[in-house]
Amino acid sequence: EPISVEKVAELTYYSKSHFMKFFKTYTGKSPARYRTEQKVGQAMMMLESGLPIKEAARLTGYSDVYAFTKQFTKTCGMPPGKYIQTRLK
């Protein structure tokens, strides 16, 4: 189940803005960017293991393959199909 930045901030006793500033200082990324990169990283491992794109998208929380492909391409610089092809060579 996804957890919001507000909830994490509340659990750490920080305001949302303070938590976001602390998180970016520590990781170099916003919480949203970090989460996206983690999800795409998981998807990359799934694709490398032979899981179909549609299944990798579903398991990483994307509601449709189009949204997954768009985010994957933005993060990795290539669509998932091309990523699979380059990994199989």
N, C-alpha and C. Protein backbone atom coordinates (compact mmCIF):
# COMPACT_ATOMS: atom_id res chain seq x y z
N GLU A 1 0.85 -1.18 0.00
CA GLU A 1 0.00 0.00 0.00
C GLU A 1 0.90 1.24 0.00
N PRO A 2 0.65 2.15 -0.93
CA PRO A 2 1.47 3.38 -0.97
C PRO A 2 1.29 4.21 0.30
N ILE A 3 2.35 4.85 0.69
CA ILE A 3 2.29 5.74 1.85
C ILE A 3 2.63 7.15 1.38
N SER A 4 1.90 8.10 1.87
CA SER A 4 2.08 9.48 1.43
C SER A 4 3.24 10.15 2.16
N VAL A 5 3.77 11.19 1.55
CA VAL A 5 4.83 11.98 2.18
C VAL A 5 4.31 12.58 3.47
N GLU A 6 3.06 12.99 3.46
CA GLU A 6 2.46 13.57 4.67
C GLU A 6 2.50 12.58 5.83
N LYS A 7 2.17 11.32 5.53
CA LYS A 7 2.14 10.29 6.58
C LYS A 7 3.55 10.00 7.09
N VAL A 8 4.53 9.92 6.20
CA VAL A 8 5.91 9.69 6.62
C VAL A 8 6.39 10.86 7.48
N ALA A 9 6.09 12.07 7.05
CA ALA A 9 6.48 13.25 7.82
C ALA A 9 5.86 13.20 9.22
N GLU A 10 4.60 12.83 9.26
CA GLU A 10 3.90 12.73 10.54
C GLU A 10 4.55 11.67 11.43
N LEU A 11 4.90 10.54 10.87
CA LEU A 11 5.52 9.46 11.64
C LEU A 11 6.91 9.82 12.14
N THR A 12 7.59 10.73 11.44
CA THR A 12 8.93 11.15 11.85
C THR A 12 8.90 12.46 12.65
N TYR A 13 7.71 12.95 12.92
CA TYR A 13 7.52 14.17 13.71
C TYR A 13 8.09 15.42 13.05
N TYR A 14 8.08 15.43 11.72
CA TYR A 14 8.48 16.60 10.95
C TYR A 14 7.27 17.15 10.22
N SER A 15 7.34 18.43 9.87
CA SER A 15 6.34 18.96 8.96
C SER A 15 6.65 18.40 7.58
N LYS A 16 5.68 18.45 6.69
CA LYS A 16 5.90 17.93 5.34
C LYS A 16 7.07 18.65 4.67
N SER A 17 7.09 19.96 4.75
CA SER A 17 8.15 20.72 4.07
C SER A 17 9.52 20.42 4.67
N HIS A 18 9.60 20.30 5.99
CA HIS A 18 10.87 19.99 6.65
C HIS A 18 11.35 18.59 6.25
N PHE A 19 10.42 17.63 6.25
CA PHE A 19 10.78 16.28 5.87
C PHE A 19 11.29 16.23 4.42
N MET A 20 10.60 16.91 3.52
CA MET A 20 11.00 16.91 2.11
C MET A 20 12.39 17.53 1.94
N LYS A 21 12.66 18.60 2.67
CA LYS A 21 13.98 19.24 2.61
C LYS A 21 15.06 18.29 3.15
N PHE A 22 14.78 17.68 4.28
CA PHE A 22 15.72 16.73 4.88
C PHE A 22 15.97 15.55 3.93
N PHE A 23 14.91 15.01 3.35
CA PHE A 23 15.02 13.87 2.45
C PHE A 23 15.88 14.21 1.24
N LYS A 24 15.63 15.37 0.65
CA LYS A 24 16.39 15.77 -0.54
C LYS A 24 17.86 16.02 -0.18
N THR A 25 18.11 16.58 0.97
CA THR A 25 19.49 16.80 1.41
C THR A 25 20.21 15.46 1.58
N TYR A 26 19.53 14.50 2.15
CA TYR A 26 20.12 13.20 2.42
C TYR A 26 20.30 12.35 1.17
N THR A 27 19.29 12.34 0.28
CA THR A 27 19.32 11.46 -0.90
C THR A 27 19.69 12.17 -2.19
N GLY A 28 19.55 13.49 -2.22
CA GLY A 28 19.79 14.23 -3.45
C GLY A 28 18.59 14.23 -4.38
N LYS A 29 17.47 13.67 -3.92
CA LYS A 29 16.26 13.56 -4.74
C LYS A 29 15.03 13.87 -3.91
N SER A 30 13.98 14.27 -4.59
CA SER A 30 12.71 14.44 -3.88
C SER A 30 12.15 13.06 -3.56
N PRO A 31 11.26 12.98 -2.57
CA PRO A 31 10.66 11.68 -2.25
C PRO A 31 9.98 11.04 -3.47
N ALA A 32 9.31 11.84 -4.27
CA ALA A 32 8.61 11.31 -5.44
C ALA A 32 9.60 10.75 -6.46
N ARG A 33 10.68 11.47 -6.71
CA ARG A 33 11.69 11.01 -7.67
C ARG A 33 12.36 9.72 -7.17
N TYR A 34 12.66 9.69 -5.89
CA TYR A 34 13.28 8.51 -5.29
C TYR A 34 12.36 7.30 -5.45
N ARG A 35 11.10 7.48 -5.14
CA ARG A 35 10.12 6.39 -5.25
C ARG A 35 10.01 5.90 -6.69
N THR A 36 9.94 6.83 -7.62
CA THR A 36 9.85 6.46 -9.04
C THR A 36 11.06 5.66 -9.46
N GLU A 37 12.24 6.11 -9.09
CA GLU A 37 13.46 5.40 -9.46
C GLU A 37 13.52 4.01 -8.83
N GLN A 38 13.01 3.86 -7.63
CA GLN A 38 12.97 2.56 -6.98
C GLN A 38 12.02 1.62 -7.72
N LYS A 39 10.85 2.13 -8.10
CA LYS A 39 9.87 1.33 -8.82
C LYS A 39 10.41 0.90 -10.19
N VAL A 40 11.03 1.81 -10.89
CA VAL A 40 11.59 1.48 -12.20
C VAL A 40 12.75 0.49 -12.05
N GLY A 41 13.55 0.66 -11.02
CA GLY A 41 14.63 -0.29 -10.76
C GLY A 41 14.10 -1.70 -10.52
N GLN A 42 13.01 -1.81 -9.77
CA GLN A 42 12.38 -3.11 -9.55
C GLN A 42 11.87 -3.67 -10.87
N ALA A 43 11.25 -2.81 -11.67
CA ALA A 43 10.73 -3.24 -12.97
C ALA A 43 11.86 -3.73 -13.87
N MET A 44 13.00 -3.06 -13.84
CA MET A 44 14.15 -3.49 -14.64
C MET A 44 14.57 -4.91 -14.28
N MET A 45 14.64 -5.19 -13.00
CA MET A 45 15.01 -6.54 -12.56
C MET A 45 13.97 -7.56 -13.01
N MET A 46 12.70 -7.19 -12.94
CA MET A 46 11.63 -8.09 -13.37
C MET A 46 11.75 -8.38 -14.87
N LEU A 47 11.98 -7.34 -15.63
CA LEU A 47 12.11 -7.51 -17.09
C LEU A 47 13.32 -8.37 -17.42
N GLU A 48 14.41 -8.17 -16.72
CA GLU A 48 15.62 -8.97 -16.96
C GLU A 48 15.40 -10.44 -16.63
N SER A 49 14.47 -10.72 -15.72
CA SER A 49 14.20 -12.10 -15.35
C SER A 49 13.19 -12.75 -16.29
N GLY A 50 12.70 -11.99 -17.28
CA GLY A 50 11.80 -12.56 -18.27
C GLY A 50 10.33 -12.26 -18.06
N LEU A 51 10.00 -11.48 -17.06
CA LEU A 51 8.60 -11.12 -16.82
C LEU A 51 8.10 -10.23 -17.94
N PRO A 52 6.89 -10.45 -18.43
CA PRO A 52 6.34 -9.58 -19.48
C PRO A 52 6.19 -8.13 -18.99
N ILE A 53 6.27 -7.19 -19.91
CA ILE A 53 6.16 -5.76 -19.59
C ILE A 53 4.87 -5.47 -18.84
N LYS A 54 3.76 -6.02 -19.31
CA LYS A 54 2.47 -5.76 -18.67
C LYS A 54 2.47 -6.21 -17.21
N GLU A 55 3.08 -7.34 -16.94
CA GLU A 55 3.12 -7.86 -15.57
C GLU A 55 4.06 -7.02 -14.69
N ALA A 56 5.19 -6.61 -15.22
CA ALA A 56 6.11 -5.75 -14.48
C ALA A 56 5.43 -4.43 -14.14
N ALA A 57 4.67 -3.90 -15.09
CA ALA A 57 3.94 -2.66 -14.84
C ALA A 57 2.94 -2.85 -13.70
N ARG A 58 2.17 -3.91 -13.74
CA ARG A 58 1.16 -4.17 -12.72
C ARG A 58 1.81 -4.36 -11.34
N LEU A 59 2.87 -5.14 -11.30
CA LEU A 59 3.51 -5.44 -10.01
C LEU A 59 4.21 -4.23 -9.39
N THR A 60 4.57 -3.25 -10.21
CA THR A 60 5.20 -2.05 -9.66
C THR A 60 4.20 -0.93 -9.43
N GLY A 61 2.92 -1.24 -9.58
CA GLY A 61 1.88 -0.29 -9.20
C GLY A 61 1.34 0.62 -10.28
N TYR A 62 1.67 0.35 -11.53
CA TYR A 62 1.14 1.18 -12.61
C TYR A 62 -0.19 0.61 -13.08
N SER A 63 -1.15 1.50 -13.29
CA SER A 63 -2.50 1.07 -13.66
C SER A 63 -2.59 0.64 -15.12
N ASP A 64 -1.69 1.13 -15.94
CA ASP A 64 -1.70 0.71 -17.35
C ASP A 64 -0.30 0.72 -17.93
N VAL A 65 -0.12 -0.03 -18.99
CA VAL A 65 1.20 -0.18 -19.61
C VAL A 65 1.68 1.15 -20.21
N TYR A 66 0.75 1.97 -20.70
CA TYR A 66 1.15 3.25 -21.29
C TYR A 66 1.84 4.13 -20.24
N ALA A 67 1.24 4.27 -19.07
CA ALA A 67 1.83 5.10 -18.00
C ALA A 67 3.18 4.52 -17.56
N PHE A 68 3.25 3.21 -17.45
CA PHE A 68 4.49 2.55 -17.08
C PHE A 68 5.58 2.81 -18.12
N THR A 69 5.24 2.62 -19.39
CA THR A 69 6.21 2.81 -20.48
C THR A 69 6.70 4.25 -20.52
N LYS A 70 5.80 5.18 -20.32
CA LYS A 70 6.17 6.60 -20.32
C LYS A 70 7.16 6.90 -19.20
N GLN A 71 6.87 6.42 -18.00
CA GLN A 71 7.76 6.68 -16.85
C GLN A 71 9.07 5.92 -16.99
N PHE A 72 9.02 4.69 -17.45
CA PHE A 72 10.22 3.89 -17.65
C PHE A 72 11.15 4.59 -18.64
N THR A 73 10.58 5.04 -19.75
CA THR A 73 11.37 5.73 -20.79
C THR A 73 11.98 7.01 -20.25
N LYS A 74 11.21 7.76 -19.49
CA LYS A 74 11.71 9.01 -18.90
C LYS A 74 12.87 8.73 -17.94
N THR A 75 12.76 7.68 -17.17
CA THR A 75 13.76 7.36 -16.16
C THR A 75 14.99 6.68 -16.76
N CYS A 76 14.79 5.76 -17.69
CA CYS A 76 15.90 4.95 -18.23
C CYS A 76 16.44 5.47 -19.56
N GLY A 77 15.70 6.32 -20.22
CA GLY A 77 16.15 6.82 -21.51
C GLY A 77 15.79 5.92 -22.68
N MET A 78 15.05 4.85 -22.42
CA MET A 78 14.59 3.97 -23.49
C MET A 78 13.33 3.23 -23.01
N PRO A 79 12.46 2.85 -23.93
CA PRO A 79 11.26 2.11 -23.53
C PRO A 79 11.60 0.70 -23.03
N PRO A 80 10.70 0.09 -22.29
CA PRO A 80 10.99 -1.22 -21.73
C PRO A 80 11.31 -2.29 -22.78
N GLY A 81 10.64 -2.27 -23.91
CA GLY A 81 10.93 -3.25 -24.96
C GLY A 81 12.36 -3.17 -25.46
N LYS A 82 12.84 -1.95 -25.66
CA LYS A 82 14.21 -1.75 -26.10
C LYS A 82 15.19 -2.14 -24.99
N TYR A 83 14.83 -1.84 -23.74
CA TYR A 83 15.66 -2.22 -22.60
C TYR A 83 15.87 -3.73 -22.58
N ILE A 84 14.78 -4.47 -22.78
CA ILE A 84 14.86 -5.93 -22.81
C ILE A 84 15.79 -6.39 -23.94
N GLN A 85 15.63 -5.80 -25.11
CA GLN A 85 16.46 -6.18 -26.26
C GLN A 85 17.94 -5.93 -25.98
N THR A 86 18.26 -4.81 -25.36
CA THR A 86 19.67 -4.51 -25.08
C THR A 86 20.25 -5.44 -24.02
N ARG A 87 19.42 -5.91 -23.12
CA ARG A 87 19.88 -6.80 -22.05
C ARG A 87 20.05 -8.24 -22.56
N LEU A 88 19.35 -8.59 -23.64
CA LEU A 88 19.43 -9.94 -24.17
C LEU A 88 20.65 -10.15 -25.06
N LYS A 89 21.27 -9.07 -25.50
CA LYS A 89 22.43 -9.16 -26.40
C LYS A 89 23.64 -9.66 -25.68
